[in-house]
Protein backbone atom coordinates (compact mmCIF):
# COMPACT_ATOMS: atom_id res chain seq x y z
CA UNK A 1 -0.01 0.02 0.00
CA UNK A 2 1.45 3.36 -1.06
CA UNK A 3 2.22 6.11 1.34
CA UNK A 4 -0.69 8.41 0.01
CA UNK A 5 -3.36 5.60 0.70
CA UNK A 6 -1.91 5.10 4.09
CA UNK A 7 -2.29 8.82 4.70
CA UNK A 8 -5.86 8.87 3.42
CA UNK A 9 -6.79 6.20 5.99
CA UNK A 10 -5.40 8.44 8.65
CA UNK A 11 -7.02 11.64 7.34
CA UNK A 12 -10.39 10.19 6.36
CA UNK A 13 -12.34 8.52 9.07
CA UNK A 14 -14.36 5.48 8.04
CA UNK A 15 -17.78 6.51 6.57
CA UNK A 16 -17.18 10.20 6.42
CA UNK A 17 -17.56 12.22 3.24
CA UNK A 18 -15.20 14.54 1.36
CA UNK A 19 -15.27 16.17 -1.94
CA UNK A 20 -12.80 16.67 -4.74
CA UNK A 21 -11.57 20.06 -3.32
CA UNK A 22 -10.65 18.44 -0.07
CA UNK A 23 -8.92 15.47 -1.74
CA UNK A 24 -7.02 17.86 -3.84
CA UNK A 25 -6.07 20.10 -0.92
CA UNK A 26 -4.38 17.03 0.65
CA UNK A 27 -2.44 16.05 -2.43
CA UNK A 28 -4.74 13.78 -4.25
CA UNK A 29 -5.00 14.54 -7.97
CA UNK A 30 -7.88 13.63 -10.20
CA UNK A 31 -6.16 10.88 -11.72
CA UNK A 32 -5.13 9.43 -8.30
CA UNK A 33 -8.64 9.65 -7.15
CA UNK A 34 -9.92 7.71 -10.16
CA UNK A 35 -7.26 5.02 -9.59
CA UNK A 36 -8.73 4.62 -5.94
CA UNK A 37 -12.27 4.64 -7.15
CA UNK A 38 -11.32 1.77 -9.60
CA UNK A 39 -9.46 -0.16 -7.23
CA UNK A 40 -12.11 0.05 -4.66
CA UNK A 41 -10.08 2.26 -2.09
CA UNK A 42 -12.65 4.96 -2.48
CA UNK A 43 -16.20 5.04 -3.26
CA UNK A 44 -18.75 7.81 -4.50
CA UNK A 45 -22.17 7.33 -2.70
CA UNK A 46 -23.16 10.43 -4.84
CA UNK A 47 -21.55 12.54 -7.43
CA UNK A 48 -18.81 14.74 -6.01
CA UNK A 49 -18.72 12.99 -2.74
CA UNK A 50 -16.23 10.31 -1.64
CA UNK A 51 -15.58 7.93 1.18
CA UNK A 52 -13.41 4.98 2.23
CA UNK A 53 -15.56 1.96 2.07
CA UNK A 54 -14.43 0.47 5.56
CA UNK A 55 -17.51 -1.34 7.17
CA UNK A 56 -19.97 0.97 5.31
CA UNK A 57 -21.81 -0.89 2.70
CA UNK A 58 -21.39 0.14 -0.88
CA UNK A 59 -25.21 0.04 -1.48
CA UNK A 60 -25.95 2.22 1.57
CA UNK A 61 -26.45 6.02 1.42
CA UNK A 62 -24.92 7.96 4.22
CA UNK A 63 -27.23 9.09 6.93
CA UNK A 64 -28.07 12.68 7.65
CA UNK A 65 -25.97 12.72 10.78
CA UNK A 66 -23.03 11.31 8.54
CA UNK A 67 -23.49 14.05 6.18
CA UNK A 68 -23.55 16.99 8.71
CA UNK A 69 -20.62 15.42 10.76
CA UNK A 70 -18.70 15.26 7.53
CA UNK A 71 -19.35 18.95 6.90
CA UNK A 72 -18.38 19.91 10.44
CA UNK A 73 -15.12 17.85 10.59
CA UNK A 74 -13.72 17.86 7.09
CA UNK A 75 -14.93 20.98 5.47
CA UNK A 76 -14.59 24.68 6.77
CA UNK A 77 -16.22 27.04 7.62
CA UNK A 78 -18.07 25.55 10.53
CA UNK A 79 -21.65 24.73 9.74
CA UNK A 80 -23.38 24.28 13.14
CA UNK A 81 -26.61 22.35 13.70
CA UNK A 82 -29.15 25.04 15.39
CA UNK A 83 -32.57 25.99 16.08
CA UNK A 84 -35.13 23.13 16.73
CA UNK A 85 -32.87 20.51 15.44
CA UNK A 86 -30.24 21.45 18.13
CA UNK A 87 -32.86 21.08 20.88
CA UNK A 88 -34.08 17.80 19.65
CA UNK A 89 -30.55 16.60 19.52
CA UNK A 90 -30.07 17.56 23.22
CA UNK A 91 -33.45 15.84 24.26
CA UNK A 92 -35.34 19.03 24.45
CA UNK A 93 -37.42 19.01 21.44
CA UNK A 94 -41.16 18.73 21.72
CA UNK A 95 -41.71 16.65 18.72
CA UNK A 96 -38.52 14.59 18.64
CA UNK A 97 -38.60 11.43 16.18
CA UNK A 98 -37.57 8.26 17.36
CA UNK A 99 -35.04 7.73 14.29
CA UNK A 100 -33.53 11.18 14.56
CA UNK A 101 -34.61 14.67 13.36
CA UNK A 102 -36.70 14.86 10.32
CA UNK A 103 -35.08 18.31 9.47
CA UNK A 104 -31.38 19.63 9.91
CA UNK A 105 -31.16 23.28 10.50
CA UNK A 106 -27.53 24.26 9.79
CA UNK A 107 -25.97 27.75 10.39
CA UNK A 108 -22.83 29.01 8.97
CA UNK A 109 -21.08 31.61 6.95
CA UNK A 110 -21.36 29.62 3.74
CA UNK A 111 -24.08 27.25 2.56
CA UNK A 112 -23.40 23.47 2.40
CA UNK A 113 -21.94 22.15 -0.79
CA UNK A 114 -24.04 20.84 -3.52
CA UNK A 115 -23.21 17.27 -2.94
CA UNK A 116 -24.75 17.56 0.68
CA UNK A 117 -27.91 19.20 -0.64
CA UNK A 118 -28.40 16.41 -3.19
CA UNK A 119 -28.01 13.83 -0.32
CA UNK A 120 -30.38 15.51 2.12
CA UNK A 121 -32.81 17.45 -0.08
CA UNK A 122 -35.29 19.27 1.77
CA UNK A 123 -34.21 17.66 4.99
CA UNK A 124 -31.31 20.20 4.99
CA UNK A 125 -32.26 23.83 5.89
CA UNK A 126 -29.49 26.38 5.66
CA UNK A 127 -29.59 29.65 7.60
CA UNK A 128 -26.87 32.51 7.54
CA UNK A 129 -26.10 33.66 11.01
CA UNK A 130 -27.53 37.10 11.61
CA UNK A 131 -28.69 37.27 15.20
CA UNK A 132 -25.47 38.28 17.06
CA UNK A 133 -23.06 40.80 16.73
CA UNK A 134 -20.10 38.71 17.67
CA UNK A 135 -21.12 35.16 16.17
CA UNK A 136 -18.32 32.62 16.30
CA UNK A 137 -19.60 31.30 13.03
CA UNK A 138 -18.55 34.40 11.31
CA UNK A 139 -15.08 34.67 12.93
CA UNK A 140 -11.84 33.52 11.34
CA UNK A 141 -11.63 31.17 14.18
CA UNK A 142 -14.77 29.97 15.63
CA UNK A 143 -13.09 28.54 18.72
CA UNK A 144 -11.90 31.98 19.81
CA UNK A 145 -14.15 34.18 22.15
CA UNK A 146 -17.58 33.16 23.30
CA UNK A 147 -17.61 29.71 21.70
CA UNK A 148 -18.90 27.84 24.51
CA UNK A 149 -21.86 30.22 24.96
CA UNK A 150 -23.01 29.34 21.70
CA UNK A 151 -22.18 25.91 21.05
CA UNK A 152 -21.86 22.32 22.62
CA UNK A 153 -22.36 18.71 21.54
CA UNK A 154 -25.42 16.79 21.10
CA UNK A 155 -26.43 14.07 23.61
CA UNK A 156 -27.43 10.32 22.96
CA UNK A 157 -25.29 7.66 21.44
CA UNK A 158 -23.21 6.96 18.34
CA UNK A 159 -22.18 9.53 15.59
CA UNK A 160 -24.73 12.07 17.01
CA UNK A 161 -22.88 12.83 20.05
CA UNK A 162 -19.97 14.27 17.72
CA UNK A 163 -22.16 16.85 16.30
CA UNK A 164 -21.56 20.58 16.99
CA UNK A 165 -24.85 22.11 18.06
CA UNK A 166 -26.23 25.38 19.38
CA UNK A 167 -26.61 25.54 23.06
CA UNK A 168 -30.17 25.32 24.21
CA UNK A 169 -30.07 29.10 24.92
CA UNK A 170 -28.89 29.89 21.45
CA UNK A 171 -31.09 27.31 19.84
CA UNK A 172 -34.22 28.69 21.41
CA UNK A 173 -33.39 32.18 20.27
CA UNK A 174 -32.78 30.80 16.81
CA UNK A 175 -36.22 29.45 16.81
CA UNK A 176 -37.63 32.84 17.96
CA UNK A 177 -36.02 34.42 15.15
CA UNK A 178 -38.54 32.57 12.82
CA UNK A 179 -41.70 33.30 14.91
CA UNK A 180 -44.38 33.72 13.53
CA UNK A 181 -43.32 33.37 9.93
CA UNK A 182 -42.05 29.70 10.20
CA UNK A 183 -42.38 28.54 13.83
CA UNK A 184 -45.56 29.42 15.37
CA UNK A 185 -45.98 31.00 18.92
CA UNK A 186 -47.60 27.75 20.00
CA UNK A 187 -44.65 25.50 18.72
CA UNK A 188 -42.10 28.15 20.66
CA UNK A 189 -44.37 27.80 23.71
CA UNK A 190 -44.33 24.04 23.54
CA UNK A 191 -40.45 24.25 23.43
CA UNK A 192 -40.22 26.60 26.32
CA UNK A 193 -42.11 24.11 28.51
CA UNK A 194 -39.15 21.74 28.28
CA UNK A 195 -36.30 24.36 28.84
CA UNK A 196 -36.37 24.59 32.69
CA UNK A 197 -32.65 24.13 32.84
CA UNK A 198 -31.43 26.93 30.78
CA UNK A 199 -28.45 28.93 32.23
CA UNK A 200 -29.52 32.47 32.92
CA UNK A 201 -26.05 33.60 32.58
CA UNK A 202 -25.55 32.30 29.18
CA UNK A 203 -29.04 33.39 28.08
CA UNK A 204 -28.32 36.95 29.25
CA UNK A 205 -24.83 37.02 27.41
CA UNK A 206 -26.64 36.03 24.29
CA UNK A 207 -29.59 38.48 24.65
CA UNK A 208 -27.06 41.21 25.32
CA UNK A 209 -25.21 40.42 21.95
CA UNK A 210 -28.58 39.82 20.09
CA UNK A 211 -29.36 42.28 17.20
CA UNK A 212 -32.99 41.54 17.08
CA UNK A 213 -35.55 43.30 19.23
CA UNK A 214 -38.23 41.02 18.39
CA UNK A 215 -36.35 38.14 19.59
CA UNK A 216 -35.27 39.72 22.86
CA UNK A 217 -38.78 40.67 23.67
CA UNK A 218 -40.24 37.30 22.66
CA UNK A 219 -37.49 35.64 24.88
CA UNK A 220 -38.49 37.52 27.84
CA UNK A 221 -42.20 37.10 27.32
CA UNK A 222 -41.84 33.54 27.03
CA UNK A 223 -39.70 33.52 30.18
CA UNK A 224 -42.38 35.42 32.25
CA UNK A 225 -45.08 33.24 30.83
CA UNK A 226 -43.55 29.92 31.96
CA UNK A 227 -41.60 31.19 35.19
CA UNK A 228 -38.95 28.30 35.18
CA UNK A 229 -36.78 28.72 38.37
CA UNK A 230 -33.87 30.27 36.19
CA UNK A 231 -36.04 33.21 35.22
CA UNK A 232 -35.65 34.77 38.56
CA UNK A 233 -31.76 34.90 38.17
CA UNK A 234 -32.05 36.32 34.57
CA UNK A 235 -30.77 39.86 34.33
CA UNK A 236 -32.86 42.12 32.50
CA UNK A 237 -32.36 45.93 33.12
CA UNK A 238 -29.52 46.66 30.88
CA UNK A 239 -30.99 44.63 27.82
CA UNK A 240 -31.83 47.08 24.97
CA UNK A 241 -35.43 46.27 23.98
CA UNK A 242 -35.82 49.22 21.53
CA UNK A 243 -38.92 51.31 21.59
CA UNK A 244 -42.27 51.15 20.02
CA UNK A 245 -44.75 48.40 19.36
CA UNK A 246 -44.00 45.26 17.35
CA UNK A 247 -47.19 43.72 15.55
CA UNK A 248 -46.20 40.00 15.37
CA UNK A 249 -49.80 38.90 15.22
CA UNK A 250 -52.28 40.91 13.30
CA UNK A 251 -55.39 41.19 15.51
CA UNK A 252 -53.51 39.71 18.57
CA UNK A 253 -53.40 40.79 22.07
CA UNK A 254 -50.98 43.66 22.96
CA UNK A 255 -48.63 42.61 25.81
CA UNK A 256 -47.99 45.91 27.70
CA UNK A 257 -44.85 44.91 29.24
CA UNK A 258 -42.93 44.06 25.91
CA UNK A 259 -45.10 46.05 23.53
CA UNK A 260 -45.70 43.06 21.23
CA UNK A 261 -48.72 41.35 19.98
CA UNK A 262 -49.17 37.80 20.89
CA UNK A 263 -52.01 35.31 20.15
CA UNK A 264 -55.22 36.04 22.03
CA UNK A 265 -55.61 32.48 23.16
CA UNK A 266 -52.14 32.60 24.94
CA UNK A 267 -52.81 34.21 28.39
CA UNK A 268 -50.21 36.26 30.04
CA UNK A 269 -48.21 34.59 32.99
């Protein structure tokens, strides 16, 4: 076995996917890749994506978890799992499927490559980060400064535990960013029911750095509505909540504390 093939076995974990750009950046020419494909040392489960066969069946398409983990580990810039998917992967989702998330919400400075979108189709939903003024996903080095406030690892077993996901505090704010256009008030309300262990310190730091007045007001409104123990320790006075009313629900009830309209069937705390 030649040295380049030995190197590939070290660099590319069994089952994970790379593309031609990654291979070329590590010294594997198109002709060498073609040779490895012909010899069975590489396989292409879909056009423009490659993996070592290892223990993975040649007939098996990679799972969503494998695709996302491949993107995170082998293709910068970082794409983090966020929003409702991040909550589900930490056991905090209201509608968690037994066989894993039905959608993967990914946040990052650049969208996933075409091969990943081909494999996952509508299961993959990309968002460009825009909530925070100092988002690690938009930094040259995501691990520098505030990373632990924003990201953690999924829970459970197997490959999923290696995924980089938004912390519950960040993930809930990402859900609120989509209310009411994508996520409903009632969906966000159901999610908040299960968020009794949020860190008030981490949530405050994220709210202080949050650009969206709507998200900040909604976060505090839901915190008041559910009155989890942590809400008593959440700082509020120095948060900039802007001015004026925000009509989020036409014809809804105006909450006088946060100047937002909310569904009439959702009573105040």
